[in-house]
Each structure stands twice: as C-alpha cells, then as structure tokens.
Protein backbone atom coordinates (compact mmCIF):
# COMPACT_ATOMS: atom_id res chain seq x y z
CA MET A 1 21.96 -52.00 -53.62
CA ARG A 2 19.12 -49.31 -53.08
CA LEU A 3 19.67 -46.04 -55.18
CA ALA A 4 17.00 -43.51 -54.44
CA TRP A 5 15.32 -41.18 -57.37
CA ILE A 6 13.45 -37.94 -56.37
CA ALA A 7 11.95 -36.43 -59.43
CA ALA A 8 8.86 -35.39 -60.91
CA PRO A 9 7.36 -37.69 -63.43
CA VAL A 10 9.04 -37.21 -66.49
CA ALA A 11 9.29 -38.02 -69.97
CA GLY A 12 12.72 -38.21 -70.59
CA ALA A 13 14.36 -37.97 -66.71
CA ALA A 14 17.38 -38.98 -64.46
CA ALA A 15 16.87 -42.62 -63.38
CA LEU A 16 18.59 -44.93 -61.02
CA VAL A 17 19.41 -48.75 -61.62
CA GLY A 18 20.64 -51.34 -59.15
CA ALA A 19 20.32 -54.88 -58.17
CA LEU A 20 17.99 -55.17 -54.88
CA ALA A 21 17.21 -58.84 -53.53
CA TRP A 22 13.40 -59.00 -53.46
CA SER A 23 10.97 -61.20 -50.86
CA ALA A 24 7.59 -61.10 -50.13
CA PRO A 25 6.46 -59.13 -46.71
CA GLU A 26 5.12 -61.25 -44.21
CA ASP A 27 1.43 -60.88 -44.22
CA ASN A 28 -1.65 -62.01 -41.85
CA ASN A 29 -3.73 -61.81 -44.21
CA ARG A 30 -2.14 -63.45 -47.00
CA GLY A 31 -4.80 -66.23 -47.83
CA ASP A 32 -7.23 -62.94 -49.04
CA VAL A 33 -4.40 -61.98 -51.47
CA TYR A 34 -4.47 -64.98 -52.89
CA ARG A 35 -8.19 -65.28 -53.32
CA GLN A 36 -7.84 -61.62 -54.92
CA LEU A 37 -5.04 -63.27 -57.32
CA GLU A 38 -7.29 -66.18 -58.30
CA LEU A 39 -9.88 -63.47 -58.82
CA PHE A 40 -7.41 -61.70 -61.14
CA ALA A 41 -6.25 -64.76 -63.10
CA ASP A 42 -10.08 -65.51 -63.34
CA VAL A 43 -10.66 -62.55 -64.76
CA LEU A 44 -8.07 -62.73 -67.18
CA ALA A 45 -9.02 -66.11 -68.71
CA ARG A 46 -12.69 -64.81 -69.12
CA VAL A 47 -11.40 -61.53 -71.05
CA GLU A 48 -9.07 -63.99 -72.97
CA GLN A 49 -11.72 -66.14 -74.03
CA ASP A 50 -14.85 -63.79 -74.62
CA TYR A 51 -13.85 -60.91 -75.45
CA VAL A 52 -15.11 -59.38 -78.20
CA THR A 53 -11.71 -59.35 -80.31
CA GLU A 54 -8.14 -60.85 -79.22
CA ILE A 55 -6.21 -59.10 -76.72
CA ASP A 56 -2.41 -58.53 -76.53
CA GLU A 57 -1.68 -60.20 -72.98
CA GLU A 58 1.24 -58.88 -72.63
CA ALA A 59 0.32 -54.87 -72.91
CA ALA A 60 -3.09 -55.81 -70.80
CA MET A 61 -0.61 -57.18 -67.77
CA GLU A 62 1.51 -54.45 -68.05
CA ALA A 63 -1.95 -52.21 -67.84
CA ALA A 64 -2.79 -53.96 -64.66
CA LEU A 65 0.76 -53.59 -63.13
CA GLN A 66 0.49 -49.80 -63.92
CA GLY A 67 -2.97 -49.66 -62.77
CA MET A 68 -1.70 -51.20 -58.95
CA LEU A 69 1.05 -49.18 -58.71
CA ALA A 70 -0.82 -46.00 -59.85
CA SER A 71 -3.40 -46.07 -57.12
CA LEU A 72 -0.68 -46.05 -54.77
CA ASP A 73 0.97 -42.48 -55.94
CA PRO A 74 1.84 -40.57 -58.66
CA HIS A 75 5.04 -41.24 -58.69
CA SER A 76 5.12 -45.33 -58.57
CA SER A 77 5.22 -47.22 -62.24
CA TYR A 78 6.35 -50.19 -64.06
CA LEU A 79 9.16 -50.06 -66.81
CA SER A 80 8.70 -52.29 -69.37
CA PRO A 81 12.30 -53.88 -70.43
CA SER A 82 12.85 -50.98 -73.14
CA ASP A 83 11.42 -48.11 -71.01
CA PHE A 84 14.49 -49.37 -68.21
CA ARG A 85 17.13 -48.99 -70.92
CA ASP A 86 15.97 -45.69 -71.99
CA MET A 87 16.45 -44.99 -68.28
CA ARG A 88 19.55 -46.04 -67.14
CA LEU A 89 20.57 -44.07 -70.68
CA GLN A 90 18.80 -40.75 -69.52
CA ALA A 91 20.32 -41.19 -66.44
CA ARG A 92 23.54 -39.98 -68.01
CA GLY A 93 22.33 -37.00 -69.66
CA GLU A 94 21.49 -38.47 -72.98
CA TYR A 95 18.44 -39.90 -74.91
CA HIS A 96 16.42 -39.55 -78.04
CA GLY A 97 13.64 -37.33 -77.71
CA LEU A 98 12.05 -33.79 -77.26
CA GLY A 99 13.41 -32.57 -73.83
CA VAL A 100 10.31 -32.15 -72.04
CA GLU A 101 9.07 -33.59 -68.21
CA VAL A 102 5.86 -34.31 -68.11
CA THR A 103 3.09 -35.67 -65.55
CA ILE A 104 -0.45 -36.49 -66.01
CA GLU A 105 -3.16 -34.14 -64.43
CA ASP A 106 -6.69 -35.71 -64.64
CA GLY A 107 -6.15 -38.12 -67.18
CA VAL A 108 -4.18 -35.17 -69.15
CA VAL A 109 -0.47 -34.95 -70.31
CA ARG A 110 0.81 -31.47 -68.36
CA VAL A 111 4.04 -30.15 -69.18
CA VAL A 112 6.23 -29.60 -65.40
CA SER A 113 9.05 -28.08 -67.67
CA PRO A 114 11.14 -28.03 -71.03
CA ILE A 115 14.40 -28.54 -70.85
CA ASP A 116 17.25 -25.76 -71.78
CA ASP A 117 18.41 -25.94 -75.19
CA THR A 118 16.21 -28.50 -76.22
CA PRO A 119 13.72 -29.12 -79.10
CA ALA A 120 10.62 -28.23 -76.54
CA ALA A 121 12.35 -25.68 -75.60
CA ARG A 122 13.38 -24.03 -78.76
CA ALA A 123 9.84 -24.53 -79.87
CA GLY A 124 8.19 -22.22 -77.39
CA ILE A 125 6.63 -25.27 -75.23
CA GLN A 126 5.88 -23.82 -71.81
CA ALA A 127 5.62 -25.09 -68.28
CA GLY A 128 1.91 -25.28 -67.24
CA ASP A 129 0.99 -26.54 -71.06
CA TYR A 130 -1.11 -29.36 -71.78
CA PHE A 131 -0.40 -31.69 -74.57
CA THR A 132 -4.17 -33.17 -75.47
CA ALA A 133 -2.82 -35.19 -79.00
CA ILE A 134 0.20 -36.13 -80.79
CA ASN A 135 0.38 -36.84 -84.34
CA GLY A 136 -3.22 -35.87 -84.18
CA GLU A 137 -4.63 -39.02 -82.40
CA SER A 138 -6.18 -38.06 -78.55
CA ILE A 139 -3.45 -39.04 -75.49
CA VAL A 140 -6.29 -38.26 -72.76
CA GLY A 141 -6.62 -40.79 -70.74
CA LEU A 142 -3.29 -42.71 -71.57
CA THR A 143 -1.06 -43.45 -68.86
CA LEU A 144 2.08 -41.16 -68.34
CA ASN A 145 4.32 -44.35 -69.61
CA ASP A 146 1.85 -44.89 -73.03
CA ALA A 147 2.32 -41.15 -73.85
CA VAL A 148 5.67 -40.84 -73.52
CA GLN A 149 6.59 -43.96 -75.76
CA LEU A 150 4.69 -41.56 -78.29
CA MET A 151 6.76 -38.53 -77.70
CA ARG A 152 9.79 -40.85 -77.90
CA GLY A 153 11.34 -41.57 -81.51
CA GLU A 154 14.74 -41.87 -83.57
CA ALA A 155 16.83 -38.39 -84.07
CA GLY A 156 15.74 -36.45 -86.61
CA THR A 157 12.14 -37.74 -86.95
CA GLU A 158 9.14 -35.46 -86.37
CA VAL A 159 6.35 -35.05 -84.30
CA THR A 160 3.24 -33.24 -83.39
CA VAL A 161 1.88 -32.18 -80.61
CA THR A 162 -1.67 -30.50 -79.68
CA VAL A 163 -0.90 -28.07 -77.18
CA ALA A 164 -3.51 -26.69 -74.97
CA ARG A 165 -2.72 -23.35 -73.17
CA GLU A 166 -4.47 -21.60 -70.52
CA GLY A 167 -6.12 -18.23 -72.05
CA GLN A 168 -5.42 -19.97 -75.84
CA GLU A 169 -7.43 -21.99 -78.41
CA PRO A 170 -5.50 -25.48 -78.87
CA PHE A 171 -2.69 -25.07 -81.53
CA ASP A 172 -0.33 -27.48 -83.04
CA VAL A 173 3.61 -27.60 -82.59
CA THR A 174 5.80 -29.79 -84.70
CA ILE A 175 9.30 -30.57 -83.37
CA ALA A 176 12.15 -32.66 -84.63
CA ARG A 177 13.14 -35.41 -81.90
CA GLN A 178 17.11 -35.33 -81.19
CA VAL A 179 19.88 -36.93 -79.27
CA ILE A 180 19.40 -34.97 -75.90
CA ASN A 181 22.31 -34.46 -74.44
CA VAL A 182 21.18 -32.55 -71.45
CA ARG A 183 24.02 -30.13 -70.12
CA ALA A 184 22.91 -29.84 -66.61
CA VAL A 185 24.90 -26.71 -65.68
CA THR A 186 25.75 -23.65 -67.19
CA ALA A 187 27.42 -20.34 -65.58
CA ARG A 188 27.90 -16.93 -66.33
CA VAL A 189 28.96 -13.92 -64.74
CA GLU A 190 26.66 -10.69 -64.88
CA GLY A 191 28.33 -7.38 -64.47
CA GLY A 192 31.91 -8.63 -63.72
CA ASP A 193 30.53 -9.54 -59.86
CA ILE A 194 28.19 -11.80 -59.65
CA GLY A 195 27.92 -15.34 -60.84
CA VAL A 196 24.80 -16.82 -62.49
CA ILE A 197 25.04 -20.72 -62.10
CA ARG A 198 22.05 -22.53 -63.74
CA VAL A 199 21.14 -25.98 -62.75
CA SER A 200 18.65 -27.65 -65.23
CA THR A 201 18.58 -30.80 -64.12
CA PHE A 202 20.01 -33.46 -61.44
CA ASN A 203 21.77 -36.26 -63.84
CA GLU A 204 25.17 -38.41 -63.43
CA ARG A 205 26.97 -35.41 -64.63
CA THR A 206 25.44 -32.70 -62.35
CA GLY A 207 27.93 -32.54 -59.66
CA ALA A 208 30.99 -32.61 -61.71
CA MET A 209 29.81 -29.72 -63.90
CA LEU A 210 28.94 -27.86 -60.86
CA GLN A 211 32.44 -27.90 -59.87
CA ASP A 212 33.59 -26.43 -63.42
CA ALA A 213 31.09 -23.88 -63.06
CA ILE A 214 32.17 -22.68 -59.55
CA ARG A 215 35.83 -22.35 -60.85
CA ALA A 216 34.85 -20.44 -63.96
CA VAL A 217 32.64 -18.03 -62.15
CA ARG A 218 35.43 -17.47 -59.67
CA ARG A 219 37.91 -17.27 -62.66
CA ASP A 220 35.69 -14.84 -64.67
CA SER A 221 35.14 -12.40 -61.78
CA GLY A 222 38.56 -11.69 -61.40
CA GLY A 223 38.62 -11.98 -57.66
CA THR A 224 35.48 -9.55 -56.98
CA LEU A 225 33.03 -12.07 -57.24
CA ARG A 226 30.61 -10.52 -54.71
CA GLY A 227 27.49 -13.11 -54.35
CA VAL A 228 26.50 -15.83 -56.80
CA VAL A 229 22.93 -16.98 -57.82
CA LEU A 230 22.02 -20.57 -58.20
CA ASP A 231 19.26 -20.84 -60.88
CA LEU A 232 16.87 -23.99 -59.85
CA ARG A 233 13.89 -22.65 -61.65
CA ASN A 234 12.29 -25.18 -63.97
CA ASN A 235 14.30 -28.05 -62.59
CA PRO A 236 12.14 -31.12 -62.18
CA GLY A 237 14.95 -33.17 -60.16
CA GLY A 238 16.36 -36.34 -60.61
CA LEU A 239 19.23 -38.09 -58.79
CA LEU A 240 19.60 -38.05 -54.95
CA ASP A 241 23.44 -38.30 -54.52
CA GLN A 242 23.20 -35.09 -56.75
CA ALA A 243 21.19 -33.03 -54.67
CA ILE A 244 23.81 -33.82 -51.50
CA GLU A 245 26.50 -33.58 -53.69
CA VAL A 246 25.05 -29.77 -55.11
CA SER A 247 24.33 -29.15 -51.57
CA ASP A 248 27.41 -30.20 -50.60
CA ALA A 249 29.40 -27.92 -52.28
CA PHE A 250 27.72 -24.99 -50.42
CA LEU A 251 27.90 -25.87 -46.93
CA ASP A 252 30.22 -26.91 -44.79
CA GLY A 253 29.65 -29.87 -43.18
CA GLY A 254 26.35 -30.35 -41.38
CA GLU A 255 22.99 -32.19 -42.28
CA VAL A 256 21.77 -31.94 -45.90
CA VAL A 257 18.82 -34.23 -46.30
CA SER A 258 16.73 -37.15 -44.07
CA THR A 259 14.61 -39.79 -45.63
CA ARG A 260 11.86 -42.00 -43.45
CA GLY A 261 10.82 -44.87 -44.76
CA ARG A 262 7.87 -46.83 -43.70
CA GLN A 263 9.64 -48.52 -40.75
CA PRO A 264 10.48 -46.59 -37.60
CA GLU A 265 14.56 -47.69 -38.35
CA ASP A 266 14.22 -46.98 -41.75
CA VAL A 267 15.92 -43.22 -41.63
CA GLN A 268 19.03 -42.80 -43.16
CA ARG A 269 20.96 -38.93 -42.85
CA TYR A 270 23.15 -37.30 -45.42
CA ASN A 271 25.66 -35.03 -44.26
CA ALA A 272 28.33 -32.52 -46.25
CA ARG A 273 31.62 -32.88 -46.24
CA ARG A 274 33.83 -30.08 -44.62
CA GLY A 275 34.76 -27.32 -47.11
CA ASP A 276 32.12 -24.56 -48.56
CA ASP A 277 33.42 -24.41 -52.41
CA LEU A 278 32.70 -20.79 -52.47
CA ALA A 279 34.05 -19.96 -48.94
CA GLY A 280 31.01 -18.35 -47.57
CA VAL A 281 30.27 -15.84 -50.92
CA PRO A 282 26.79 -15.14 -50.61
CA ILE A 283 23.91 -17.46 -52.38
CA VAL A 284 21.08 -16.80 -53.65
CA VAL A 285 18.98 -19.59 -54.82
CA LEU A 286 16.26 -18.89 -57.48
CA ILE A 287 12.83 -21.41 -57.36
CA ASN A 288 9.62 -21.20 -58.89
CA GLY A 289 6.78 -23.67 -59.10
CA ALA A 290 8.08 -25.99 -61.63
CA SER A 291 11.25 -26.09 -59.03
CA ALA A 292 10.69 -30.17 -57.93
CA SER A 293 12.46 -32.65 -55.76
CA ALA A 294 15.99 -32.61 -55.92
CA SER A 295 15.86 -28.99 -56.49
CA GLU A 296 13.92 -28.51 -53.75
CA ILE A 297 16.04 -30.79 -51.36
CA VAL A 298 18.75 -28.24 -52.39
CA ALA A 299 17.01 -24.92 -51.69
CA GLY A 300 15.93 -26.81 -48.50
CA ALA A 301 18.93 -28.04 -47.41
CA LEU A 302 20.80 -24.08 -48.05
CA GLN A 303 17.72 -22.50 -46.48
CA ASP A 304 17.47 -24.19 -43.47
CA ARG A 305 21.22 -24.49 -42.64
CA GLY A 306 21.66 -20.29 -43.41
CA ARG A 307 23.32 -20.43 -45.92
CA ALA A 308 21.48 -18.83 -48.79
CA LEU A 309 17.99 -16.94 -49.37
CA VAL A 310 15.58 -18.58 -51.10
CA VAL A 311 13.54 -16.26 -53.86
CA GLY A 312 11.10 -16.42 -56.22
CA THR A 313 7.89 -18.63 -55.99
CA ASP A 314 6.86 -21.39 -53.86
CA SER A 315 8.09 -25.01 -55.34
CA PHE A 316 6.64 -28.11 -56.97
CA GLY A 317 6.31 -29.66 -53.50
CA LYS A 318 7.54 -33.34 -54.17
CA GLY A 319 9.09 -34.68 -50.88
CA SER A 320 9.40 -38.51 -51.87
CA VAL A 321 12.17 -41.10 -52.92
CA GLN A 322 11.50 -43.53 -55.50
CA THR A 323 13.53 -46.76 -55.29
CA LEU A 324 14.54 -48.30 -58.92
CA ILE A 325 14.23 -52.15 -58.29
CA PRO A 326 14.81 -54.46 -61.47
CA LEU A 327 12.99 -57.76 -62.00
CA GLN A 328 14.92 -60.70 -62.80
CA GLY A 329 17.88 -58.95 -63.41
CA GLY A 330 16.14 -55.75 -65.35
CA ARG A 331 15.23 -58.67 -68.31
CA ASP A 332 11.23 -58.14 -66.94
CA GLY A 333 12.15 -54.49 -66.84
CA ALA A 334 11.77 -52.55 -63.72
CA LEU A 335 9.97 -51.32 -60.48
CA ARG A 336 9.84 -47.71 -59.71
CA LEU A 337 8.19 -47.68 -55.96
CA THR A 338 8.31 -44.84 -53.59
CA THR A 339 9.77 -46.21 -50.44
CA ALA A 340 10.60 -42.84 -48.21
CA ARG A 341 9.82 -39.39 -47.60
CA TYR A 342 12.46 -37.09 -47.24
CA TYR A 343 12.81 -33.91 -44.80
CA THR A 344 14.98 -31.04 -44.81
CA PRO A 345 17.59 -30.25 -42.01
CA ALA A 346 14.97 -28.45 -39.92
CA GLY A 347 13.31 -31.71 -40.24
CA ARG A 348 10.36 -30.40 -42.44
CA SER A 349 8.40 -32.01 -44.70
CA ILE A 350 7.67 -30.37 -48.31
CA GLN A 351 5.46 -32.86 -49.48
CA GLY A 352 2.52 -31.02 -51.18
CA ALA A 353 3.51 -28.04 -49.44
CA GLY A 354 6.74 -27.14 -51.22
CA ILE A 355 9.60 -24.26 -50.13
CA THR A 356 8.33 -21.03 -49.18
CA PRO A 357 11.07 -18.87 -50.57
CA ASP A 358 12.33 -16.10 -47.96
CA LEU A 359 11.67 -13.18 -50.60
CA GLU A 360 8.77 -13.49 -52.85
CA VAL A 361 9.40 -12.24 -56.32
CA GLY A 362 7.30 -13.00 -59.18
CA ALA A 363 8.32 -13.67 -62.48
CA ARG A 364 5.29 -11.46 -64.70
CA ARG A 365 2.72 -8.88 -63.36
CA VAL A 366 -0.40 -10.91 -61.78
CA ASP A 367 -3.72 -9.53 -62.27
CA PRO A 368 -5.12 -10.09 -58.80
CA ALA A 369 -8.87 -10.84 -60.76
CA GLN A 370 -6.89 -13.32 -62.70
CA LEU A 371 -5.05 -15.17 -60.44
CA PRO A 372 -2.96 -18.24 -62.62
CA ARG A 373 -3.84 -21.60 -61.83
CA GLY A 374 -0.64 -23.46 -61.11
CA ILE A 375 -0.06 -27.27 -60.36
CA SER A 376 1.94 -28.40 -57.49
CA GLU A 377 2.49 -32.22 -55.95
CA ALA A 378 -0.76 -31.84 -54.28
CA ASP A 379 -3.07 -31.68 -57.55
CA LEU A 380 -1.31 -34.80 -58.59
CA PRO A 381 -4.14 -37.86 -58.33
CA ASN A 382 -3.25 -40.33 -55.10
CA ALA A 383 -0.95 -37.90 -53.87
CA LEU A 384 0.74 -38.44 -50.57
CA ASN A 385 -0.41 -36.31 -47.55
CA ASN A 386 1.75 -33.98 -45.50
CA ASP A 387 2.58 -35.79 -42.46
CA SER A 388 3.44 -32.84 -40.52
CA GLY A 389 0.15 -31.08 -41.31
CA ALA A 390 1.84 -28.48 -43.72
CA GLN A 391 -0.31 -27.08 -46.61
CA ARG A 392 0.53 -25.31 -49.93
CA ARG A 393 -0.44 -21.39 -49.82
CA GLY A 394 -2.79 -20.78 -52.17
CA ALA A 395 -2.51 -18.41 -55.68
CA HIS A 396 -1.86 -14.95 -54.54
CA VAL A 397 -0.42 -11.63 -55.58
CA PRO A 398 3.28 -12.20 -55.20
CA GLU A 399 4.86 -9.84 -52.98
CA ASP A 400 7.09 -8.17 -55.70
CA GLN A 401 6.06 -8.54 -58.87
CA PRO A 402 7.42 -6.50 -62.03
CA PRO A 403 6.55 -2.58 -62.50
CA GLU A 404 3.75 -2.10 -65.16
CA ASN A 405 6.57 -0.97 -67.84
CA TRP A 406 8.94 -3.98 -67.43
CA ASP A 407 10.10 -5.53 -70.42
CA PRO A 408 8.82 -9.15 -70.62
CA GLU A 409 12.03 -10.03 -72.41
CA GLU A 410 13.90 -9.20 -69.14
CA ASP A 411 14.37 -11.88 -66.08
CA TYR A 412 12.74 -9.63 -63.49
CA GLN A 413 13.28 -12.70 -60.79
CA LEU A 414 17.02 -12.92 -61.86
CA SER A 415 17.21 -8.94 -61.89
CA ARG A 416 16.19 -8.94 -58.18
CA ALA A 417 18.34 -11.96 -57.23
CA MET A 418 21.47 -9.62 -58.11
CA GLU A 419 19.87 -6.73 -56.54
CA PHE A 420 19.50 -8.53 -53.21
CA LEU A 421 23.19 -9.33 -53.42
CA ARG A 422 24.96 -6.42 -54.81
CA GLY A 423 22.76 -4.12 -52.29
CA GLY A 424 23.86 -6.29 -48.88
CA VAL A 425 19.97 -7.56 -48.64
CA VAL A 426 21.50 -11.22 -48.44
CA VAL A 427 24.01 -10.90 -46.01
CA GLU A 428 21.88 -8.48 -43.88
CA ARG A 429 19.18 -11.33 -43.61
CA LEU A 430 21.16 -14.30 -43.27
CA ARG A 431 22.81 -12.21 -40.08
CA ALA A 432 19.22 -11.65 -38.72
CA ARG A 433 18.37 -15.26 -39.19
CA ALA A 434 21.87 -16.54 -37.56
CA GLY A 435 21.24 -14.10 -34.92
C-alpha cells in the first residue's frame, strides 16, 4: 500500500505509513552502480581504519544515506527507526516537542510556521525566523533530521533556541517542551453572519474536525450564514487524503487534484463526492507565503473549480508528493521519497511558483524601499523545477495593504476577507469567472 504525504519539511509534521514491496529497477548501467558501491565500501573501510579517532559507523552510514537523498530534492530523506515511530505519532496529531514547522535553507534551520497554540507559538516564534543554535550549540550545517532531534525531548524539559530575525540582533528564547496535541481545525462566527474556519495542519483528524467546524458555524450563525472564511495561512501541509477530504467538503463532485509520477502511466486523479456541505455559501480562502503543499491543493482546487475566492499573498509553492516506504517493515526505519508531482484541476503545477491569490491583500504595510525577503519552495536546495514553466512572482508591494493608521494587533487580511463576503465581492467575482 502506497500512501502519499505532501508537506513542507518539518519538525513535528504529519507522516504516512504503509507497507510497500520494493524491487531494484532495471538499469543498463548496473555495472557502474556496482563499481560505485565498491568505491563507497573502500572509502568506508579506509575511514574506519585510518581516521584520527574511532567513528560511529551507524551515524556515518545514516549521514551517507541522508546526503544521497538530499542531493535529489529538499523533501526526500531517510528516517531512522525512532524518527519513523515519531512520525507515525505525529500523523495522529500528537508528539513531544515545540510545535514548530521548519526547513533547511543554506545550512540554517528556518521556520516555516509555528503551529497554533503550541509552546513555539506562545513564545513568539514567527514564520521566517532562523534557528542558529540550540542550548548554546550551533546547529548551522546540521541536517534537518539532526536539528529536529535536538528540538525534541520529553514534555516538561526546556530548550533554549537562538533566533535570528530579519532586522534584529540574534536573541535567545527558552521554550518548555510539551505533548503537542494539534487541534487541526477551529471555528467561530464573526458578526453573527461570517464563519471563520481555521485549518492549521492536515493530520488524520482534520477531515472529521472540519465537519464539526462546518456544523458549528451553521448552528452559531442561526441560519444567517452569509459566507465562510477558510483560513489556511501558515499551514505547512500534511496528508494528501486529508487535503482531498477538506476540498470534498466544499465541492459538488468533480476533480480535486491529480498526481503524475515518473512514468507516463503513473497518473492518479482524485475526485470529490457529490454534495457541497455548505450548500453554496460563498467562501474566501486565506493563504500566505507559509501556506504549503496540502493547503495549496485545497486553495488551488477551490480556485480552479470556481468555488472560492482566494485572498492573501502568494503561497509557498510545494508541488510534490512524498511516499513513506518502510524498510524491513520499519525495523530499519523508512525512506521518505518524492514520487510524484501534483496538479490542480486546471492542470497547473504550483511547484516553485505557488498559488497566486485572486485578490492580493498584505498582512502588514510594506515599505517599497525595503521589500521583505520571503522564502519559497524555489529557494530550497535542489528543488524540483516547474515542468509547466510557471515562475514565482518577485518581491513587490501588495495591491491591497493596511492603511498607515491600522492597528497592528488587528488582522487586516481577515478583515478584508469578511468585507469581500459581506459586500458581495466574492459572489460577483465568482459569477464573472463562471460566465
């Protein structure tokens, strides 16, 4: 059984597990491969014999595996047996740690997003922060897995993270680890008529929790629900089947996403079932630069199908699918391998380019002379190219941004999204697109 995972590289992300038979691919140059393996064995033997100190053979082999996989793309990696066990727990939305999604950029750990209501979020960690040291020891140059291992630990223990933030001197933040029970979906009603559904990650509970959220906003609006804001900002992704299930809730049949692998016949299409759980209530999908992978699938599906207006800023641009392949039934860990690209219903690959919102709205006011440097999938080492030729837009001033006197504690993007729903802009734009 192959299960797909689509998420930015993370510390504490969802994972997929499944058994998969493996056989070596046919290779006309297999003799060359065998010679390279012999070379590797020779190098390992020489290191074991002549290196200045004794080496940790297991660590050396794991580093070799990680190096090979990292040379393919940013998301393929080897998981040790303990990492594999942790990821299975994380897929259920529970793990010990800080609650922060991270990636590696130029050998430095960079925050994709803190997860809502976790120690990292409460400590003020922000998307775009860099972690340069843990407990005073530099982590620059470590692999992502090694850095993540240093962040994990028993609930109640503390870890001090050195944070580098744009425009500030590096500073230390001490965070107490805890058991992270990720609440993937929350919901509320604003002003009596607008439902706000926040999806923070795509774990095994997301689809079921979304159904609870839909029932809650319909109930709490007292039958006057004018629209729904689906907030996918800072959502780094997760399980493919949950992205499909979330999209399914708002679509009345039709395609959600397709995946295409290495071979021409490796194409799979995923469709929604009949029945829109919101019965046509207008939707705004909120995204930003930290909306990645599974959240981009949802945004792209609802955008292409004309079901929602996408508002915010360009998304992260991760358009690949990883398959988790247990090795020896998981006894030797697992291989996390990029096996396919995904495409929106209109056939768009968002790899590197991201989802462009229908209405661009910035979260904060931007000085044209000091445009912030964001990070996207295209910036990661060895990132796949976009096979459709699409490219990400360069840094620019958003078309719509907060006025000078805007209270920074207020959520401008959410405020505008609700205005678009109440003012009929969403209905008008979607009708124009359909016509």
